[in-house]
Amino acid sequence: MIMERRRTTGSIVFPVFYDVDPSQVGRQTGSFAAAFVEHEKSFNEEMERVNGWRIALKEVADLAGMVLGDR
């Protein structure tokens, strides 16, 4: 919904990547790949919704943001 709002109204989005590499978010690798496997099982009747999440994560990973490690 945040990325949809950005596309429709031009709202500013400043992502914070906490203890995750933004490339894993955009490419949906690592824990994101595993999560999407589960989402596809849970939402198998709503694949359009899951694909929307994939697109939004790819978009947000391309934005300038802040990368924070677990300290």
Protein backbone atom coordinates (compact mmCIF):
# COMPACT_ATOMS: atom_id res chain seq x y z
CA MET A 1 0.00 0.00 0.00
CA ILE A 2 2.88 2.36 0.71
CA MET A 3 4.38 1.92 -2.75
CA GLU A 4 0.95 2.20 -4.36
CA ARG A 5 0.46 5.50 -2.56
CA ARG A 6 3.87 6.65 -3.80
CA ARG A 7 2.92 5.81 -7.39
CA THR A 8 -0.49 7.48 -7.27
CA THR A 9 0.16 10.59 -5.16
CA GLY A 10 3.92 11.01 -5.33
CA SER A 11 4.34 10.50 -1.58
CA ILE A 12 7.93 10.31 -0.36
CA VAL A 13 9.10 6.90 0.83
CA PHE A 14 12.32 6.47 2.78
CA PRO A 15 13.00 2.77 3.32
CA VAL A 16 14.99 1.49 6.29
CA PHE A 17 16.61 -1.90 5.76
CA TYR A 18 17.24 -3.32 9.21
CA ASP A 19 19.68 -6.22 9.29
CA VAL A 20 19.00 -7.11 5.64
CA ASP A 21 20.79 -6.28 2.41
CA PRO A 22 18.54 -4.28 0.06
CA SER A 23 19.60 -6.56 -2.81
CA GLN A 24 18.00 -9.50 -0.97
CA VAL A 25 14.79 -7.49 -0.77
CA GLY A 26 14.81 -6.56 -4.45
CA ARG A 27 15.86 -9.96 -5.77
CA GLN A 28 13.85 -11.80 -3.12
CA THR A 29 16.68 -14.10 -2.17
CA GLY A 30 17.61 -15.58 1.19
CA SER A 31 14.90 -15.25 3.82
CA PHE A 32 12.74 -13.31 1.35
CA ALA A 33 12.71 -16.25 -1.07
CA ALA A 34 11.63 -18.59 1.71
CA ALA A 35 8.92 -16.17 2.82
CA PHE A 36 7.52 -15.92 -0.69
CA VAL A 37 7.33 -19.69 -1.00
CA GLU A 38 5.14 -19.67 2.10
CA HIS A 39 3.08 -16.70 0.86
CA GLU A 40 2.43 -18.48 -2.42
CA LYS A 41 1.14 -21.50 -0.50
CA SER A 42 -1.01 -19.40 1.82
CA PHE A 43 -2.36 -17.09 -0.87
CA ASN A 44 -2.52 -19.54 -3.78
CA GLU A 45 -5.97 -18.19 -4.71
CA GLU A 46 -4.63 -14.62 -4.65
CA MET A 47 -1.42 -14.81 -6.70
CA GLU A 48 -2.06 -11.34 -8.09
CA ARG A 49 -1.76 -10.03 -4.54
CA VAL A 50 1.52 -11.90 -3.97
CA ASN A 51 2.89 -10.62 -7.29
CA GLY A 52 1.99 -7.10 -6.18
CA TRP A 53 4.09 -7.60 -3.07
CA ARG A 54 6.99 -8.82 -5.20
CA ILE A 55 6.80 -5.75 -7.43
CA ALA A 56 6.57 -3.39 -4.43
CA LEU A 57 9.65 -4.94 -2.81
CA LYS A 58 11.63 -4.63 -6.04
CA GLU A 59 10.63 -0.96 -6.25
CA VAL A 60 11.48 -0.18 -2.63
CA ALA A 61 14.88 -1.87 -2.94
CA ASP A 62 15.75 0.55 -5.74
CA LEU A 63 15.01 3.62 -3.62
CA ALA A 64 17.66 5.44 -1.64
CA GLY A 65 17.30 4.36 1.95
CA MET A 66 19.11 3.62 5.15
CA VAL A 67 20.81 0.28 5.79
CA LEU A 68 21.15 -0.59 9.49
CA GLY A 69 22.87 -3.62 10.94
CA ASP A 70 21.89 -5.46 14.08
CA ARG A 71 24.17 -4.09 16.79
